[in-house]
Amino acid sequence: MPFLPLNASETHDFRNQLHELLMGHRDLDQAITHLTENPTPDDLLIRRLKKRKLVLKDQPL
């Protein structure tokens, strides 16, 4: 099935969605890194954040 070209509005919306997903992924990555550097890391919170990061990664645009 061929893909139709996006118009300017659709391209703008797509880029905004992609930007939001990338920023969310980056923020979660930074939070996980910060928590793992703690001498007594909260393993449950780290697991939850990693799971949220995977969900975000698998989210369709």
N, C-alpha and C. Protein backbone atom coordinates (compact mmCIF):
# COMPACT_ATOMS: atom_id res chain seq x y z
N MET A 1 0.85 -1.18 0.00
CA MET A 1 0.00 0.00 0.00
C MET A 1 0.89 1.24 0.00
N PRO A 2 0.78 2.07 -1.01
CA PRO A 2 1.64 3.27 -1.07
C PRO A 2 1.22 4.32 -0.05
N PHE A 3 2.19 5.04 0.43
CA PHE A 3 1.93 6.13 1.37
C PHE A 3 1.73 7.42 0.60
N LEU A 4 0.74 8.17 1.02
CA LEU A 4 0.50 9.47 0.40
C LEU A 4 1.39 10.51 1.05
N PRO A 5 1.85 11.49 0.31
CA PRO A 5 2.68 12.54 0.91
C PRO A 5 1.87 13.34 1.94
N LEU A 6 2.56 13.80 2.96
CA LEU A 6 1.92 14.61 4.00
C LEU A 6 1.85 16.06 3.56
N ASN A 7 0.76 16.72 3.94
CA ASN A 7 0.70 18.15 3.67
C ASN A 7 1.45 18.89 4.79
N ALA A 8 1.56 20.18 4.69
CA ALA A 8 2.36 20.96 5.65
C ALA A 8 1.83 20.82 7.07
N SER A 9 0.53 20.82 7.24
CA SER A 9 -0.07 20.71 8.57
C SER A 9 0.22 19.34 9.19
N GLU A 10 0.08 18.29 8.38
CA GLU A 10 0.35 16.93 8.87
C GLU A 10 1.83 16.76 9.21
N THR A 11 2.70 17.34 8.40
CA THR A 11 4.13 17.28 8.68
C THR A 11 4.45 17.98 9.99
N HIS A 12 3.84 19.13 10.19
CA HIS A 12 4.05 19.90 11.43
C HIS A 12 3.57 19.09 12.63
N ASP A 13 2.37 18.50 12.54
CA ASP A 13 1.82 17.70 13.63
C ASP A 13 2.71 16.49 13.92
N PHE A 14 3.18 15.83 12.86
CA PHE A 14 4.05 14.67 13.01
C PHE A 14 5.34 15.05 13.73
N ARG A 15 5.93 16.15 13.31
CA ARG A 15 7.18 16.60 13.95
C ARG A 15 6.96 16.96 15.42
N ASN A 16 5.82 17.59 15.72
CA ASN A 16 5.52 17.92 17.11
C ASN A 16 5.36 16.67 17.96
N GLN A 17 4.65 15.67 17.43
CA GLN A 17 4.47 14.42 18.16
C GLN A 17 5.81 13.73 18.38
N LEU A 18 6.62 13.69 17.35
CA LEU A 18 7.93 13.07 17.45
C LEU A 18 8.79 13.79 18.48
N HIS A 19 8.76 15.11 18.45
CA HIS A 19 9.53 15.91 19.41
C HIS A 19 9.08 15.61 20.84
N GLU A 20 7.77 15.55 21.08
CA GLU A 20 7.24 15.26 22.41
C GLU A 20 7.68 13.88 22.89
N LEU A 21 7.63 12.89 22.01
CA LEU A 21 8.05 11.54 22.38
C LEU A 21 9.54 11.50 22.70
N LEU A 22 10.34 12.15 21.87
CA LEU A 22 11.78 12.17 22.11
C LEU A 22 12.13 12.87 23.41
N MET A 23 11.45 13.97 23.70
CA MET A 23 11.71 14.71 24.94
C MET A 23 11.29 13.87 26.15
N GLY A 24 10.16 13.20 26.06
CA GLY A 24 9.72 12.34 27.15
C GLY A 24 10.69 11.20 27.38
N HIS A 25 11.18 10.61 26.31
CA HIS A 25 12.15 9.52 26.40
C HIS A 25 13.44 10.02 27.05
N ARG A 26 13.90 11.19 26.62
CA ARG A 26 15.13 11.77 27.17
C ARG A 26 14.97 12.09 28.65
N ASP A 27 13.82 12.66 29.02
CA ASP A 27 13.58 13.00 30.42
C ASP A 27 13.57 11.76 31.31
N LEU A 28 12.92 10.69 30.83
CA LEU A 28 12.91 9.44 31.59
C LEU A 28 14.32 8.87 31.71
N ASP A 29 15.07 8.93 30.63
CA ASP A 29 16.45 8.43 30.64
C ASP A 29 17.30 9.19 31.66
N GLN A 30 17.14 10.50 31.71
CA GLN A 30 17.89 11.30 32.68
C GLN A 30 17.47 10.98 34.11
N ALA A 31 16.18 10.79 34.33
CA ALA A 31 15.69 10.46 35.67
C ALA A 31 16.24 9.10 36.12
N ILE A 32 16.24 8.14 35.21
CA ILE A 32 16.76 6.81 35.53
C ILE A 32 18.25 6.89 35.85
N THR A 33 18.99 7.62 35.06
CA THR A 33 20.43 7.78 35.29
C THR A 33 20.68 8.43 36.65
N HIS A 34 19.93 9.46 36.95
CA HIS A 34 20.08 10.16 38.23
C HIS A 34 19.77 9.22 39.40
N LEU A 35 18.71 8.44 39.28
CA LEU A 35 18.34 7.53 40.36
C LEU A 35 19.36 6.42 40.56
N THR A 36 19.95 5.93 39.47
CA THR A 36 20.92 4.84 39.60
C THR A 36 22.24 5.32 40.19
N GLU A 37 22.49 6.62 40.13
CA GLU A 37 23.72 7.17 40.71
C GLU A 37 23.60 7.35 42.22
N ASN A 38 22.39 7.26 42.74
CA ASN A 38 22.15 7.39 44.17
C ASN A 38 22.77 6.19 44.89
N PRO A 39 23.42 6.41 46.05
CA PRO A 39 24.03 5.29 46.78
C PRO A 39 23.01 4.21 47.17
N THR A 40 21.77 4.60 47.41
CA THR A 40 20.72 3.62 47.72
C THR A 40 19.56 3.83 46.74
N PRO A 41 19.72 3.32 45.52
CA PRO A 41 18.70 3.56 44.49
C PRO A 41 17.37 2.89 44.82
N ASP A 42 16.29 3.52 44.42
CA ASP A 42 14.95 2.98 44.59
C ASP A 42 14.68 2.06 43.39
N ASP A 43 14.94 0.77 43.59
CA ASP A 43 14.85 -0.18 42.48
C ASP A 43 13.44 -0.26 41.89
N LEU A 44 12.43 -0.18 42.73
CA LEU A 44 11.06 -0.24 42.24
C LEU A 44 10.75 0.95 41.34
N LEU A 45 11.14 2.13 41.77
CA LEU A 45 10.91 3.33 40.96
C LEU A 45 11.68 3.26 39.65
N ILE A 46 12.90 2.77 39.70
CA ILE A 46 13.71 2.64 38.48
C ILE A 46 13.04 1.68 37.51
N ARG A 47 12.54 0.54 38.01
CA ARG A 47 11.85 -0.42 37.15
C ARG A 47 10.61 0.20 36.52
N ARG A 48 9.86 0.97 37.31
CA ARG A 48 8.65 1.62 36.79
C ARG A 48 9.00 2.64 35.69
N LEU A 49 10.05 3.40 35.92
CA LEU A 49 10.46 4.39 34.92
C LEU A 49 10.94 3.72 33.64
N LYS A 50 11.67 2.62 33.79
CA LYS A 50 12.15 1.89 32.61
C LYS A 50 10.97 1.31 31.83
N LYS A 51 9.97 0.82 32.55
CA LYS A 51 8.78 0.29 31.89
C LYS A 51 8.04 1.41 31.16
N ARG A 52 7.91 2.57 31.79
CA ARG A 52 7.26 3.71 31.15
C ARG A 52 8.03 4.14 29.90
N LYS A 53 9.36 4.07 29.99
CA LYS A 53 10.21 4.43 28.85
C LYS A 53 9.96 3.47 27.68
N LEU A 54 9.83 2.17 27.96
CA LEU A 54 9.54 1.21 26.91
C LEU A 54 8.16 1.43 26.29
N VAL A 55 7.19 1.75 27.13
CA VAL A 55 5.84 2.03 26.63
C VAL A 55 5.88 3.25 25.72
N LEU A 56 6.61 4.26 26.13
CA LEU A 56 6.74 5.47 25.34
C LEU A 56 7.42 5.17 24.00
N LYS A 57 8.43 4.32 24.06
CA LYS A 57 9.17 3.96 22.84
C LYS A 57 8.27 3.21 21.86
N ASP A 58 7.38 2.37 22.37
CA ASP A 58 6.51 1.56 21.51
C ASP A 58 5.25 2.29 21.07
N GLN A 59 5.04 3.50 21.57
CA GLN A 59 3.84 4.26 21.23
C GLN A 59 3.89 4.68 19.76
N PRO A 60 2.82 4.37 19.02
CA PRO A 60 2.81 4.79 17.61
C PRO A 60 2.62 6.29 17.47
N LEU A 61 3.09 6.82 16.37
CA LEU A 61 2.94 8.25 16.11
C LEU A 61 1.60 8.54 15.53
